[in-house]
Structure formats: structure tokens, C-alpha cells
Amino acid sequence: MLLVKAARGARRFVESVKGEDGSYRLGDWPGVERTGRRRRGTGPRDAGAAVARLRVAQRLTMGFLDPVDDALFLVAGLRRMGIPASFHLGRELVPVTPPSGFYAWVQCGEAVVSTSMPVRETYVEVHRSGRDG
């Protein structure tokens, strides 16, 4: 039941921060909720398992999302599951002249939990939010 509530809340969060023109209004992030039951932990392994379950729920309810929407969904879902998570946006290091790409990912502490890409080596972080617990 916790997963279902987290996924529903994450979907509502993504829908609430994305404008009709595709822009984002990132202000208040969902707080890290206390689940009312004994938490198994908030380490990278626990976050990785939660990401896998949230992605299944995401694909069933919203389909495949672009990297920014995916990261927003995962941060909101993880935080609703009681796992502190933060949103990160990075600019591609190469090419150094436009057009260069942007990519979004999720971290729990210092661990990247939303992708196996070497984002810290490939992107310069330009934005971080949702950090508070």
C-alpha cells in the first residue's frame, strides 16, 4: 500500500510542477514521510529497490517519461516512502559549445540511484533541489 500511495503522490507532484508549455515550477518538494512502520533503511540498496518498484508503477500509470519527469517522479515517490532523495540536473561536458544536452538524475546522499550512467563524470551539475529531509 505504501508503494501505491507513493506512486499516486509522485504522479500528482509531476503533474503539478509541469506547465502546459513544458516549463517547470519547482518550489516545494514533498517532505520525507514517516511511514508509521519500521523502515528497512535509507541506504543506496534500499533506495535502488524502491526505485525499481516505483518505476514499475510509473510505467503502468504514466508510461515512459523523459529523464526530467522521471527524476521528479522518483524523488517525490522516494520521499513519500520515507527515503531522503534529491533532484539533480546537469549539463553535458562535451560538446563544450552548443548544443549540449542536459540530463536529470536522483541521489540519495551521495549515491546516484536513478541511473547507471556515470553522470558525475559526464555532466556538470547546474541545479540541485529537494535536498532537505
N, C-alpha and C. Protein backbone atom coordinates (compact mmCIF):
# COMPACT_ATOMS: atom_id res chain seq x y z
N MET A 1 0.81 -1.19 0.00
CA MET A 1 0.00 0.00 0.00
C MET A 1 0.86 1.26 0.00
N LEU A 2 1.99 1.22 0.67
CA LEU A 2 2.90 2.36 0.72
C LEU A 2 3.36 2.73 -0.69
N LEU A 3 3.70 1.74 -1.51
CA LEU A 3 4.13 1.98 -2.87
C LEU A 3 3.03 2.66 -3.69
N VAL A 4 1.81 2.18 -3.57
CA VAL A 4 0.69 2.75 -4.33
C VAL A 4 0.48 4.21 -3.95
N LYS A 5 0.50 4.51 -2.66
CA LYS A 5 0.33 5.90 -2.21
C LYS A 5 1.48 6.77 -2.68
N ALA A 6 2.69 6.23 -2.62
CA ALA A 6 3.87 6.99 -3.06
C ALA A 6 3.79 7.28 -4.55
N ALA A 7 3.40 6.29 -5.35
CA ALA A 7 3.31 6.48 -6.79
C ALA A 7 2.21 7.47 -7.16
N ARG A 8 1.08 7.39 -6.49
CA ARG A 8 -0.01 8.36 -6.74
C ARG A 8 0.44 9.78 -6.40
N GLY A 9 1.08 9.92 -5.26
CA GLY A 9 1.57 11.24 -4.87
C GLY A 9 2.63 11.76 -5.81
N ALA A 10 3.50 10.88 -6.28
CA ALA A 10 4.56 11.28 -7.22
C ALA A 10 3.95 11.74 -8.54
N ARG A 11 2.95 11.03 -8.99
CA ARG A 11 2.27 11.42 -10.24
C ARG A 11 1.65 12.81 -10.08
N ARG A 12 0.94 13.01 -8.98
CA ARG A 12 0.33 14.33 -8.74
C ARG A 12 1.39 15.42 -8.68
N PHE A 13 2.54 15.10 -8.07
CA PHE A 13 3.62 16.10 -7.97
C PHE A 13 4.12 16.47 -9.36
N VAL A 14 4.42 15.49 -10.20
CA VAL A 14 4.91 15.78 -11.55
C VAL A 14 3.89 16.61 -12.31
N GLU A 15 2.63 16.24 -12.23
CA GLU A 15 1.58 16.97 -12.94
C GLU A 15 1.44 18.40 -12.40
N SER A 16 1.70 18.61 -11.12
CA SER A 16 1.52 19.94 -10.54
C SER A 16 2.67 20.89 -10.85
N VAL A 17 3.87 20.37 -11.10
CA VAL A 17 5.02 21.25 -11.33
C VAL A 17 5.29 21.50 -12.81
N LYS A 18 4.65 20.75 -13.69
CA LYS A 18 4.90 20.91 -15.12
C LYS A 18 3.79 21.73 -15.76
N GLY A 19 4.19 22.85 -16.39
CA GLY A 19 3.23 23.72 -17.05
C GLY A 19 2.80 23.18 -18.39
N GLU A 20 1.73 23.74 -18.92
CA GLU A 20 1.22 23.32 -20.23
C GLU A 20 2.24 23.56 -21.34
N ASP A 21 3.12 24.56 -21.14
CA ASP A 21 4.13 24.87 -22.14
C ASP A 21 5.40 24.02 -21.98
N GLY A 22 5.39 23.09 -21.01
CA GLY A 22 6.53 22.22 -20.79
C GLY A 22 7.53 22.75 -19.78
N SER A 23 7.30 23.95 -19.25
CA SER A 23 8.20 24.52 -18.25
C SER A 23 7.90 23.89 -16.88
N TYR A 24 8.83 24.07 -15.96
CA TYR A 24 8.68 23.50 -14.62
C TYR A 24 8.67 24.61 -13.58
N ARG A 25 7.86 24.42 -12.56
CA ARG A 25 7.80 25.33 -11.42
C ARG A 25 8.16 24.51 -10.18
N LEU A 26 9.44 24.45 -9.91
CA LEU A 26 9.90 23.63 -8.79
C LEU A 26 10.05 24.51 -7.56
N GLY A 27 9.13 24.39 -6.65
CA GLY A 27 9.18 25.14 -5.42
C GLY A 27 9.28 24.20 -4.25
N ASP A 28 8.14 23.87 -3.70
CA ASP A 28 8.09 22.98 -2.54
C ASP A 28 8.13 21.52 -2.97
N TRP A 29 9.01 20.78 -2.33
CA TRP A 29 9.12 19.33 -2.58
C TRP A 29 8.38 18.59 -1.49
N PRO A 30 7.88 17.41 -1.80
CA PRO A 30 7.26 16.60 -0.73
C PRO A 30 8.28 16.34 0.37
N GLY A 31 7.83 16.37 1.61
CA GLY A 31 8.72 16.06 2.72
C GLY A 31 8.99 14.56 2.77
N VAL A 32 10.04 14.21 3.49
CA VAL A 32 10.34 12.79 3.70
C VAL A 32 9.37 12.31 4.76
N GLU A 33 8.46 11.44 4.36
CA GLU A 33 7.40 11.00 5.26
C GLU A 33 7.86 9.88 6.19
N ARG A 34 7.32 9.92 7.37
CA ARG A 34 7.49 8.78 8.27
C ARG A 34 6.41 7.79 7.90
N THR A 35 6.78 6.58 7.67
CA THR A 35 5.83 5.60 7.15
C THR A 35 4.96 4.98 8.23
N GLY A 36 5.28 5.20 9.49
CA GLY A 36 4.48 4.62 10.56
C GLY A 36 4.84 3.17 10.84
N ARG A 37 5.77 2.64 10.11
CA ARG A 37 6.22 1.27 10.35
C ARG A 37 7.74 1.27 10.35
N ARG A 38 8.32 0.24 10.82
CA ARG A 38 9.77 0.15 10.91
C ARG A 38 10.37 0.21 9.52
N ARG A 39 11.21 1.22 9.30
CA ARG A 39 11.85 1.37 8.00
C ARG A 39 13.02 0.43 7.89
N ARG A 40 13.17 -0.15 6.72
CA ARG A 40 14.27 -1.09 6.50
C ARG A 40 15.60 -0.36 6.36
N GLY A 41 15.55 0.91 6.06
CA GLY A 41 16.77 1.68 5.91
C GLY A 41 16.62 2.67 4.77
N THR A 42 17.60 3.51 4.66
CA THR A 42 17.55 4.52 3.61
C THR A 42 18.83 4.53 2.80
N GLY A 43 19.56 3.44 2.83
CA GLY A 43 20.80 3.35 2.08
C GLY A 43 20.56 3.15 0.59
N PRO A 44 21.63 3.17 -0.19
CA PRO A 44 21.51 3.01 -1.64
C PRO A 44 20.82 1.72 -2.07
N ARG A 45 21.06 0.63 -1.36
CA ARG A 45 20.42 -0.64 -1.73
C ARG A 45 18.90 -0.54 -1.55
N ASP A 46 18.46 0.02 -0.42
CA ASP A 46 17.03 0.19 -0.17
C ASP A 46 16.42 1.15 -1.18
N ALA A 47 17.13 2.25 -1.47
CA ALA A 47 16.65 3.21 -2.46
C ALA A 47 16.58 2.58 -3.84
N GLY A 48 17.57 1.77 -4.20
CA GLY A 48 17.57 1.11 -5.50
C GLY A 48 16.38 0.18 -5.67
N ALA A 49 16.05 -0.56 -4.63
CA ALA A 49 14.88 -1.45 -4.69
C ALA A 49 13.60 -0.63 -4.79
N ALA A 50 13.53 0.48 -4.07
CA ALA A 50 12.34 1.34 -4.13
C ALA A 50 12.22 1.98 -5.51
N VAL A 51 13.34 2.38 -6.12
CA VAL A 51 13.32 2.96 -7.47
C VAL A 51 12.76 1.94 -8.46
N ALA A 52 13.19 0.71 -8.37
CA ALA A 52 12.69 -0.33 -9.29
C ALA A 52 11.18 -0.50 -9.15
N ARG A 53 10.68 -0.52 -7.92
CA ARG A 53 9.24 -0.67 -7.71
C ARG A 53 8.48 0.56 -8.17
N LEU A 54 9.02 1.74 -7.90
CA LEU A 54 8.36 2.97 -8.34
C LEU A 54 8.32 3.06 -9.87
N ARG A 55 9.38 2.60 -10.53
CA ARG A 55 9.39 2.66 -12.00
C ARG A 55 8.32 1.76 -12.61
N VAL A 56 8.08 0.61 -12.00
CA VAL A 56 7.00 -0.27 -12.49
C VAL A 56 5.67 0.48 -12.38
N ALA A 57 5.42 1.08 -11.22
CA ALA A 57 4.18 1.83 -11.02
C ALA A 57 4.11 3.01 -11.99
N GLN A 58 5.22 3.67 -12.20
CA GLN A 58 5.28 4.80 -13.13
C GLN A 58 4.90 4.38 -14.54
N ARG A 59 5.49 3.29 -15.01
CA ARG A 59 5.23 2.84 -16.39
C ARG A 59 3.79 2.42 -16.57
N LEU A 60 3.20 1.83 -15.53
CA LEU A 60 1.81 1.40 -15.61
C LEU A 60 0.83 2.58 -15.60
N THR A 61 1.18 3.65 -14.92
CA THR A 61 0.25 4.77 -14.78
C THR A 61 0.56 5.96 -15.68
N MET A 62 1.84 6.16 -16.02
CA MET A 62 2.22 7.34 -16.79
C MET A 62 2.98 7.00 -18.06
N GLY A 63 3.37 5.75 -18.22
CA GLY A 63 4.18 5.38 -19.38
C GLY A 63 5.64 5.71 -19.15
N PHE A 64 6.41 5.74 -20.23
CA PHE A 64 7.82 6.08 -20.14
C PHE A 64 7.95 7.60 -20.12
N LEU A 65 8.69 8.11 -19.17
CA LEU A 65 8.86 9.55 -19.01
C LEU A 65 10.24 9.99 -19.48
N ASP A 66 10.36 11.26 -19.86
CA ASP A 66 11.68 11.79 -20.20
C ASP A 66 12.50 11.86 -18.91
N PRO A 67 13.81 12.04 -19.02
CA PRO A 67 14.66 12.00 -17.82
C PRO A 67 14.28 12.99 -16.72
N VAL A 68 13.82 14.18 -17.09
CA VAL A 68 13.46 15.16 -16.06
C VAL A 68 12.20 14.71 -15.32
N ASP A 69 11.15 14.36 -16.06
CA ASP A 69 9.92 13.90 -15.40
C ASP A 69 10.16 12.63 -14.60
N ASP A 70 10.99 11.74 -15.13
CA ASP A 70 11.32 10.51 -14.41
C ASP A 70 11.98 10.83 -13.07
N ALA A 71 12.96 11.72 -13.10
CA ALA A 71 13.67 12.08 -11.86
C ALA A 71 12.73 12.77 -10.88
N LEU A 72 11.86 13.64 -11.37
CA LEU A 72 10.89 14.30 -10.49
C LEU A 72 9.98 13.27 -9.83
N PHE A 73 9.48 12.33 -10.63
CA PHE A 73 8.61 11.27 -10.12
C PHE A 73 9.33 10.46 -9.05
N LEU A 74 10.56 10.06 -9.33
CA LEU A 74 11.29 9.22 -8.39
C LEU A 74 11.60 9.94 -7.09
N VAL A 75 12.01 11.21 -7.17
CA VAL A 75 12.30 11.96 -5.94
C VAL A 75 11.04 12.06 -5.09
N ALA A 76 9.93 12.44 -5.71
CA ALA A 76 8.69 12.57 -4.96
C ALA A 76 8.26 11.23 -4.37
N GLY A 77 8.35 10.17 -5.16
CA GLY A 77 7.96 8.85 -4.67
C GLY A 77 8.85 8.35 -3.55
N LEU A 78 10.15 8.49 -3.70
CA LEU A 78 11.08 8.05 -2.65
C LEU A 78 10.84 8.80 -1.35
N ARG A 79 10.66 10.11 -1.45
CA ARG A 79 10.44 10.91 -0.25
C ARG A 79 9.14 10.51 0.44
N ARG A 80 8.12 10.18 -0.35
CA ARG A 80 6.85 9.72 0.23
C ARG A 80 7.01 8.34 0.87
N MET A 81 8.00 7.59 0.45
CA MET A 81 8.26 6.27 1.04
C MET A 81 9.20 6.37 2.24
N GLY A 82 9.59 7.60 2.60
CA GLY A 82 10.45 7.80 3.76
C GLY A 82 11.93 7.76 3.45
N ILE A 83 12.30 7.85 2.18
CA ILE A 83 13.71 7.80 1.78
C ILE A 83 14.14 9.18 1.30
N PRO A 84 15.08 9.85 1.99
CA PRO A 84 15.53 11.16 1.54
C PRO A 84 16.17 11.06 0.16
N ALA A 85 15.71 11.89 -0.76
CA ALA A 85 16.23 11.89 -2.13
C ALA A 85 16.29 13.32 -2.64
N SER A 86 17.22 13.57 -3.56
CA SER A 86 17.35 14.89 -4.14
C SER A 86 17.40 14.80 -5.66
N PHE A 87 16.93 15.87 -6.31
CA PHE A 87 16.87 16.01 -7.76
C PHE A 87 18.10 16.76 -8.24
N HIS A 88 18.72 16.26 -9.31
CA HIS A 88 19.92 16.90 -9.86
C HIS A 88 19.76 17.06 -11.36
N LEU A 89 20.21 18.20 -11.86
CA LEU A 89 20.19 18.47 -13.30
C LEU A 89 21.60 18.85 -13.71
N GLY A 90 22.09 18.22 -14.77
CA GLY A 90 23.45 18.50 -15.21
C GLY A 90 23.52 18.84 -16.68
N ARG A 91 24.54 19.61 -17.04
CA ARG A 91 24.83 19.96 -18.42
C ARG A 91 25.98 19.10 -18.90
N GLU A 92 25.84 18.58 -20.08
CA GLU A 92 26.84 17.73 -20.70
C GLU A 92 28.19 18.47 -20.81
N LEU A 93 29.27 17.78 -20.44
CA LEU A 93 30.60 18.39 -20.55
C LEU A 93 31.05 18.53 -22.00
N VAL A 94 30.73 17.55 -22.81
CA VAL A 94 31.12 17.57 -24.22
C VAL A 94 29.86 17.44 -25.03
N PRO A 95 29.59 18.22 -26.03
CA PRO A 95 30.46 19.27 -26.55
C PRO A 95 30.44 20.51 -25.67
N VAL A 96 31.54 21.25 -25.72
CA VAL A 96 31.65 22.44 -24.89
C VAL A 96 30.92 23.62 -25.51
N THR A 97 30.55 23.52 -26.77
CA THR A 97 29.76 24.56 -27.41
C THR A 97 28.37 24.02 -27.71
N PRO A 98 27.40 24.90 -27.78
CA PRO A 98 26.03 24.44 -28.04
C PRO A 98 25.92 23.68 -29.35
N PRO A 99 25.02 22.77 -29.53
CA PRO A 99 24.07 22.40 -28.48
C PRO A 99 24.64 21.28 -27.63
N SER A 100 24.53 21.42 -26.36
CA SER A 100 24.91 20.34 -25.47
C SER A 100 23.66 19.93 -24.71
N GLY A 101 23.66 18.70 -24.23
CA GLY A 101 22.48 18.16 -23.61
C GLY A 101 22.44 18.35 -22.11
N PHE A 102 21.26 18.14 -21.57
CA PHE A 102 21.03 18.17 -20.15
C PHE A 102 20.48 16.81 -19.73
N TYR A 103 20.72 16.43 -18.50
CA TYR A 103 20.22 15.16 -18.00
C TYR A 103 19.88 15.33 -16.53
N ALA A 104 18.82 14.68 -16.09
CA ALA A 104 18.40 14.75 -14.69
C ALA A 104 18.58 13.39 -14.04
N TRP A 105 18.97 13.39 -12.76
CA TRP A 105 19.12 12.14 -12.02
C TRP A 105 18.73 12.35 -10.56
N VAL A 106 18.66 11.24 -9.84
CA VAL A 106 18.24 11.25 -8.43
C VAL A 106 19.38 10.70 -7.59
N GLN A 107 19.60 11.36 -6.45
CA GLN A 107 20.59 10.88 -5.50
C GLN A 107 19.95 10.69 -4.13
N CYS A 108 20.45 9.71 -3.42
CA CYS A 108 20.17 9.51 -2.00
C CYS A 108 21.51 9.66 -1.32
N GLY A 109 21.68 10.78 -0.65
CA GLY A 109 23.01 11.10 -0.14
C GLY A 109 23.92 11.33 -1.32
N GLU A 110 25.04 10.64 -1.35
CA GLU A 110 25.99 10.77 -2.46
C GLU A 110 25.80 9.70 -3.53
N ALA A 111 24.89 8.77 -3.31
CA ALA A 111 24.68 7.67 -4.25
C ALA A 111 23.65 8.05 -5.32
N VAL A 112 24.03 7.88 -6.58
CA VAL A 112 23.11 8.07 -7.69
C VAL A 112 22.26 6.81 -7.78
N VAL A 113 20.93 6.96 -7.69
CA VAL A 113 20.06 5.78 -7.63
C VAL A 113 19.12 5.63 -8.83
N SER A 114 19.11 6.60 -9.73
CA SER A 114 18.15 6.55 -10.84
C SER A 114 18.75 6.09 -12.16
N THR A 115 20.05 5.98 -12.24
CA THR A 115 20.69 5.60 -13.50
C THR A 115 22.03 4.95 -13.22
N SER A 116 22.48 4.15 -14.17
CA SER A 116 23.82 3.57 -14.07
C SER A 116 24.82 4.39 -14.88
N MET A 117 24.34 5.44 -15.55
CA MET A 117 25.24 6.31 -16.32
C MET A 117 26.21 7.01 -15.37
N PRO A 118 27.42 7.26 -15.82
CA PRO A 118 28.38 7.99 -14.97
C PRO A 118 28.10 9.49 -14.99
N VAL A 119 26.99 9.90 -14.39
CA VAL A 119 26.54 11.28 -14.51
C VAL A 119 27.52 12.29 -13.92
N ARG A 120 28.19 11.94 -12.87
CA ARG A 120 29.14 12.88 -12.26
C ARG A 120 30.36 13.13 -13.16
N GLU A 121 30.71 12.15 -13.97
CA GLU A 121 31.84 12.31 -14.88
C GLU A 121 31.43 12.91 -16.22
N THR A 122 30.16 12.82 -16.57
CA THR A 122 29.68 13.23 -17.89
C THR A 122 28.97 14.58 -17.87
N TYR A 123 28.43 14.97 -16.71
CA TYR A 123 27.65 16.20 -16.61
C TYR A 123 28.16 17.09 -15.49
N VAL A 124 28.06 18.40 -15.70
CA VAL A 124 28.34 19.38 -14.66
C VAL A 124 27.01 19.72 -14.02
N GLU A 125 26.91 19.53 -12.73
CA GLU A 125 25.64 19.81 -12.05
C GLU A 125 25.36 21.30 -12.11
N VAL A 126 24.15 21.65 -12.58
CA VAL A 126 23.75 23.04 -12.68
C VAL A 126 22.57 23.36 -11.75
N HIS A 127 21.91 22.34 -11.24
CA HIS A 127 20.79 22.55 -10.33
C HIS A 127 20.63 21.34 -9.42
N ARG A 128 20.30 21.63 -8.16
CA ARG A 128 20.01 20.58 -7.19
C ARG A 128 18.89 21.08 -6.29
N SER A 129 17.93 20.22 -6.03
CA SER A 129 16.85 20.62 -5.13
C SER A 129 16.21 19.42 -4.47
N GLY A 130 15.31 19.68 -3.55
CA GLY A 130 14.65 18.61 -2.81
C GLY A 130 15.58 17.96 -1.81
N ARG A 131 16.58 18.67 -1.36
CA ARG A 131 17.63 18.09 -0.52
C ARG A 131 17.24 17.94 0.94
N ASP A 132 16.37 18.81 1.40
CA ASP A 132 16.07 18.78 2.84
C ASP A 132 15.29 17.53 3.20
N GLY A 133 15.48 17.06 4.40
CA GLY A 133 14.84 15.84 4.85
C GLY A 133 13.58 16.12 5.55
